[in-house]
Amino acid sequence: MSLDKATVARIARLARVSLPEKDLAPLAEELSGILTWIEQLGEVNTDGVAPMTSVVGHALHHREDQVTDGNCRNDVLANAPESTDGYFVVPKVVE
């Protein structure tokens, strides 16, 4: 696939990228080369190849979901400017 300067200018405008006129022709050639390479990838036979998310085969470790408070309430409250009975004290914003 070959891109011309007008197409590159339109892509740049849609991407909100400012390109000077002198950069349009070299960028058109570069993008055309990238698209040609992608077309070549489409010709690769991938029949029988399983989709993968990683090149390393591994399984995720599963654990039970448990709701906890993190066991660090006092450490968290130590960062608060003011606390009362284990809660943050904040100014009233609604009257």
N, C-alpha and C. Protein backbone atom coordinates (compact mmCIF):
# COMPACT_ATOMS: atom_id res chain seq x y z
N MET A 1 0.85 -1.18 0.00
CA MET A 1 0.00 0.00 0.00
C MET A 1 0.89 1.24 0.00
N SER A 2 0.55 2.17 -0.82
CA SER A 2 1.36 3.37 -0.95
C SER A 2 0.56 4.59 -0.48
N LEU A 3 1.19 5.39 0.34
CA LEU A 3 0.56 6.61 0.83
C LEU A 3 1.16 7.81 0.11
N ASP A 4 0.32 8.80 -0.16
CA ASP A 4 0.83 10.04 -0.75
C ASP A 4 0.86 11.13 0.32
N LYS A 5 1.39 12.29 -0.07
CA LYS A 5 1.55 13.39 0.90
C LYS A 5 0.20 13.86 1.43
N ALA A 6 -0.84 13.86 0.59
CA ALA A 6 -2.16 14.33 1.03
C ALA A 6 -2.73 13.39 2.11
N THR A 7 -2.52 12.09 1.93
CA THR A 7 -3.03 11.13 2.92
C THR A 7 -2.28 11.29 4.24
N VAL A 8 -0.97 11.47 4.17
CA VAL A 8 -0.18 11.67 5.39
C VAL A 8 -0.61 12.96 6.09
N ALA A 9 -0.87 14.00 5.33
CA ALA A 9 -1.32 15.27 5.92
C ALA A 9 -2.67 15.07 6.61
N ARG A 10 -3.55 14.27 6.01
CA ARG A 10 -4.87 14.02 6.61
C ARG A 10 -4.72 13.20 7.89
N ILE A 11 -3.86 12.19 7.86
CA ILE A 11 -3.61 11.38 9.06
C ILE A 11 -3.05 12.25 10.18
N ALA A 12 -2.11 13.13 9.83
CA ALA A 12 -1.52 14.02 10.84
C ALA A 12 -2.58 14.95 11.42
N ARG A 13 -3.47 15.45 10.58
CA ARG A 13 -4.53 16.34 11.08
C ARG A 13 -5.46 15.59 12.02
N LEU A 14 -5.83 14.36 11.64
CA LEU A 14 -6.72 13.56 12.49
C LEU A 14 -6.05 13.21 13.81
N ALA A 15 -4.73 13.03 13.80
CA ALA A 15 -4.00 12.71 15.02
C ALA A 15 -3.61 13.96 15.80
N ARG A 16 -3.99 15.11 15.29
CA ARG A 16 -3.67 16.40 15.92
C ARG A 16 -2.15 16.59 16.05
N VAL A 17 -1.43 16.20 14.97
CA VAL A 17 0.02 16.34 14.93
C VAL A 17 0.36 17.38 13.88
N SER A 18 1.18 18.33 14.25
CA SER A 18 1.59 19.38 13.32
C SER A 18 2.83 18.91 12.57
N LEU A 19 2.72 18.81 11.24
CA LEU A 19 3.84 18.40 10.41
C LEU A 19 4.14 19.47 9.38
N PRO A 20 5.40 19.87 9.27
CA PRO A 20 5.75 20.82 8.22
C PRO A 20 5.67 20.13 6.85
N GLU A 21 5.45 20.91 5.81
CA GLU A 21 5.30 20.40 4.45
C GLU A 21 6.52 19.58 4.02
N LYS A 22 7.71 19.96 4.43
CA LYS A 22 8.93 19.27 4.00
C LYS A 22 9.03 17.86 4.59
N ASP A 23 8.32 17.58 5.68
CA ASP A 23 8.38 16.26 6.31
C ASP A 23 7.34 15.28 5.76
N LEU A 24 6.41 15.75 4.95
CA LEU A 24 5.33 14.88 4.48
C LEU A 24 5.83 13.79 3.54
N ALA A 25 6.67 14.13 2.57
CA ALA A 25 7.15 13.13 1.59
C ALA A 25 7.98 12.03 2.25
N PRO A 26 8.98 12.37 3.09
CA PRO A 26 9.74 11.29 3.74
C PRO A 26 8.87 10.42 4.65
N LEU A 27 7.93 11.05 5.34
CA LEU A 27 7.05 10.29 6.22
C LEU A 27 6.12 9.39 5.41
N ALA A 28 5.68 9.85 4.25
CA ALA A 28 4.83 9.03 3.38
C ALA A 28 5.59 7.77 2.95
N GLU A 29 6.85 7.92 2.61
CA GLU A 29 7.66 6.76 2.22
C GLU A 29 7.83 5.79 3.38
N GLU A 30 8.11 6.34 4.55
CA GLU A 30 8.32 5.49 5.72
C GLU A 30 7.05 4.74 6.10
N LEU A 31 5.92 5.44 6.12
CA LEU A 31 4.65 4.79 6.46
C LEU A 31 4.26 3.75 5.41
N SER A 32 4.54 4.04 4.15
CA SER A 32 4.26 3.07 3.08
C SER A 32 5.08 1.81 3.29
N GLY A 33 6.34 1.97 3.69
CA GLY A 33 7.18 0.80 3.97
C GLY A 33 6.65 -0.02 5.13
N ILE A 34 6.17 0.64 6.15
CA ILE A 34 5.60 -0.06 7.31
C ILE A 34 4.35 -0.82 6.89
N LEU A 35 3.48 -0.20 6.10
CA LEU A 35 2.26 -0.87 5.65
C LEU A 35 2.57 -2.05 4.74
N THR A 36 3.62 -1.93 3.91
CA THR A 36 4.03 -3.05 3.06
C THR A 36 4.51 -4.21 3.92
N TRP A 37 5.26 -3.91 4.98
CA TRP A 37 5.72 -4.96 5.89
C TRP A 37 4.54 -5.64 6.58
N ILE A 38 3.53 -4.87 6.96
CA ILE A 38 2.35 -5.45 7.60
C ILE A 38 1.60 -6.34 6.62
N GLU A 39 1.53 -5.95 5.36
CA GLU A 39 0.90 -6.80 4.34
C GLU A 39 1.66 -8.11 4.21
N GLN A 40 2.98 -8.08 4.31
CA GLN A 40 3.77 -9.31 4.25
C GLN A 40 3.46 -10.22 5.43
N LEU A 41 3.22 -9.64 6.60
CA LEU A 41 2.86 -10.45 7.77
C LEU A 41 1.53 -11.15 7.55
N GLY A 42 0.62 -10.51 6.81
CA GLY A 42 -0.67 -11.12 6.53
C GLY A 42 -0.57 -12.35 5.64
N GLU A 43 0.53 -12.51 4.93
CA GLU A 43 0.73 -13.65 4.05
C GLU A 43 1.27 -14.87 4.79
N VAL A 44 1.70 -14.71 6.03
CA VAL A 44 2.27 -15.82 6.79
C VAL A 44 1.16 -16.80 7.16
N ASN A 45 1.41 -18.08 6.93
CA ASN A 45 0.44 -19.13 7.24
C ASN A 45 0.49 -19.41 8.74
N THR A 46 -0.60 -19.14 9.43
CA THR A 46 -0.67 -19.37 10.87
C THR A 46 -1.69 -20.45 11.22
N ASP A 47 -2.04 -21.28 10.25
CA ASP A 47 -2.98 -22.38 10.53
C ASP A 47 -2.35 -23.33 11.53
N GLY A 48 -3.11 -23.71 12.52
CA GLY A 48 -2.63 -24.65 13.53
C GLY A 48 -1.76 -24.02 14.61
N VAL A 49 -1.57 -22.72 14.57
CA VAL A 49 -0.79 -22.04 15.59
C VAL A 49 -1.75 -21.46 16.62
N ALA A 50 -1.58 -21.89 17.85
CA ALA A 50 -2.50 -21.43 18.90
C ALA A 50 -2.17 -19.99 19.28
N PRO A 51 -3.20 -19.18 19.54
CA PRO A 51 -2.94 -17.81 20.00
C PRO A 51 -2.24 -17.83 21.35
N MET A 52 -1.37 -16.85 21.57
CA MET A 52 -0.66 -16.82 22.84
C MET A 52 -0.53 -15.38 23.32
N THR A 53 -0.37 -15.24 24.61
CA THR A 53 -0.18 -13.92 25.20
C THR A 53 1.24 -13.73 25.67
N SER A 54 2.01 -14.81 25.68
CA SER A 54 3.39 -14.74 26.12
C SER A 54 4.19 -15.83 25.43
N VAL A 55 5.46 -15.62 25.26
CA VAL A 55 6.30 -16.64 24.66
C VAL A 55 6.71 -17.70 25.68
N VAL A 56 6.45 -17.44 26.94
CA VAL A 56 6.78 -18.37 28.01
C VAL A 56 5.49 -19.00 28.51
N GLY A 57 5.43 -20.32 28.53
CA GLY A 57 4.24 -20.98 29.04
C GLY A 57 4.22 -20.96 30.55
N HIS A 58 3.21 -20.37 31.12
CA HIS A 58 3.09 -20.33 32.57
C HIS A 58 1.62 -20.24 32.95
N ALA A 59 1.33 -20.64 34.15
CA ALA A 59 -0.04 -20.58 34.66
C ALA A 59 -0.09 -19.59 35.81
N LEU A 60 -1.21 -18.90 35.91
CA LEU A 60 -1.39 -17.96 37.01
C LEU A 60 -1.80 -18.71 38.27
N HIS A 61 -1.28 -18.26 39.37
CA HIS A 61 -1.65 -18.86 40.65
C HIS A 61 -2.96 -18.25 41.11
N HIS A 62 -3.90 -19.10 41.48
CA HIS A 62 -5.20 -18.62 41.93
C HIS A 62 -5.25 -18.66 43.45
N ARG A 63 -5.93 -17.71 44.01
CA ARG A 63 -6.11 -17.68 45.45
C ARG A 63 -7.55 -17.28 45.74
N GLU A 64 -7.99 -17.57 46.91
CA GLU A 64 -9.32 -17.19 47.33
C GLU A 64 -9.39 -15.67 47.52
N ASP A 65 -10.47 -15.08 47.08
CA ASP A 65 -10.68 -13.66 47.34
C ASP A 65 -11.09 -13.48 48.79
N GLN A 66 -10.37 -12.64 49.48
CA GLN A 66 -10.67 -12.37 50.88
C GLN A 66 -10.69 -10.86 51.08
N VAL A 67 -11.75 -10.40 51.70
CA VAL A 67 -11.87 -8.98 52.00
C VAL A 67 -11.19 -8.73 53.33
N THR A 68 -10.18 -7.86 53.30
CA THR A 68 -9.47 -7.52 54.54
C THR A 68 -9.27 -6.00 54.56
N ASP A 69 -8.88 -5.52 55.71
CA ASP A 69 -8.58 -4.10 55.82
C ASP A 69 -7.11 -3.83 55.59
N GLY A 70 -6.34 -4.85 55.26
CA GLY A 70 -4.92 -4.69 55.01
C GLY A 70 -4.08 -4.79 56.27
N ASN A 71 -4.72 -4.85 57.40
CA ASN A 71 -4.03 -4.96 58.69
C ASN A 71 -3.01 -3.86 58.92
N CYS A 72 -3.30 -2.67 58.41
CA CYS A 72 -2.36 -1.57 58.63
C CYS A 72 -3.12 -0.25 58.88
N ARG A 73 -4.27 -0.36 59.56
CA ARG A 73 -5.10 0.82 59.81
C ARG A 73 -4.34 1.90 60.55
N ASN A 74 -3.61 1.53 61.56
CA ASN A 74 -2.89 2.53 62.36
C ASN A 74 -1.80 3.22 61.54
N ASP A 75 -1.14 2.47 60.64
CA ASP A 75 -0.11 3.07 59.79
C ASP A 75 -0.72 4.08 58.83
N VAL A 76 -1.90 3.74 58.29
CA VAL A 76 -2.57 4.65 57.36
C VAL A 76 -3.06 5.89 58.10
N LEU A 77 -3.67 5.70 59.26
CA LEU A 77 -4.19 6.83 60.03
C LEU A 77 -3.07 7.72 60.56
N ALA A 78 -1.86 7.20 60.67
CA ALA A 78 -0.73 8.02 61.12
C ALA A 78 -0.43 9.13 60.13
N ASN A 79 -0.83 8.97 58.88
CA ASN A 79 -0.61 9.99 57.85
C ASN A 79 -1.69 11.07 57.84
N ALA A 80 -2.78 10.84 58.56
CA ALA A 80 -3.90 11.78 58.54
C ALA A 80 -3.61 12.96 59.47
N PRO A 81 -4.02 14.16 59.06
CA PRO A 81 -3.83 15.31 59.95
C PRO A 81 -4.63 15.16 61.25
N GLU A 82 -5.79 14.49 61.14
CA GLU A 82 -6.63 14.31 62.33
C GLU A 82 -7.46 13.04 62.15
N SER A 83 -7.58 12.24 63.21
CA SER A 83 -8.40 11.03 63.17
C SER A 83 -9.10 10.86 64.50
N THR A 84 -10.25 10.18 64.45
CA THR A 84 -11.02 9.91 65.66
C THR A 84 -11.61 8.51 65.56
N ASP A 85 -11.43 7.71 66.56
CA ASP A 85 -11.99 6.36 66.63
C ASP A 85 -11.67 5.52 65.39
N GLY A 86 -10.48 5.67 64.84
CA GLY A 86 -10.08 4.86 63.70
C GLY A 86 -10.57 5.36 62.36
N TYR A 87 -11.04 6.62 62.30
CA TYR A 87 -11.54 7.19 61.04
C TYR A 87 -10.83 8.52 60.77
N PHE A 88 -10.78 8.90 59.50
CA PHE A 88 -10.27 10.22 59.13
C PHE A 88 -11.30 11.27 59.53
N VAL A 89 -10.83 12.38 60.04
CA VAL A 89 -11.71 13.52 60.32
C VAL A 89 -11.54 14.52 59.18
N VAL A 90 -12.67 14.85 58.54
CA VAL A 90 -12.65 15.80 57.42
C VAL A 90 -13.63 16.92 57.71
N PRO A 91 -13.41 18.10 57.13
CA PRO A 91 -14.35 19.20 57.37
C PRO A 91 -15.69 18.93 56.70
N LYS A 92 -16.73 19.43 57.32
CA LYS A 92 -18.07 19.29 56.76
C LYS A 92 -18.18 20.14 55.51
N VAL A 93 -18.73 19.56 54.43
CA VAL A 93 -18.84 20.31 53.18
C VAL A 93 -20.29 20.50 52.77
N VAL A 94 -21.21 19.82 53.41
CA VAL A 94 -22.63 19.95 53.09
C VAL A 94 -23.35 20.51 54.30
N GLU A 95 -24.19 21.50 54.09
CA GLU A 95 -24.93 22.08 55.21
C GLU A 95 -26.36 21.67 55.18
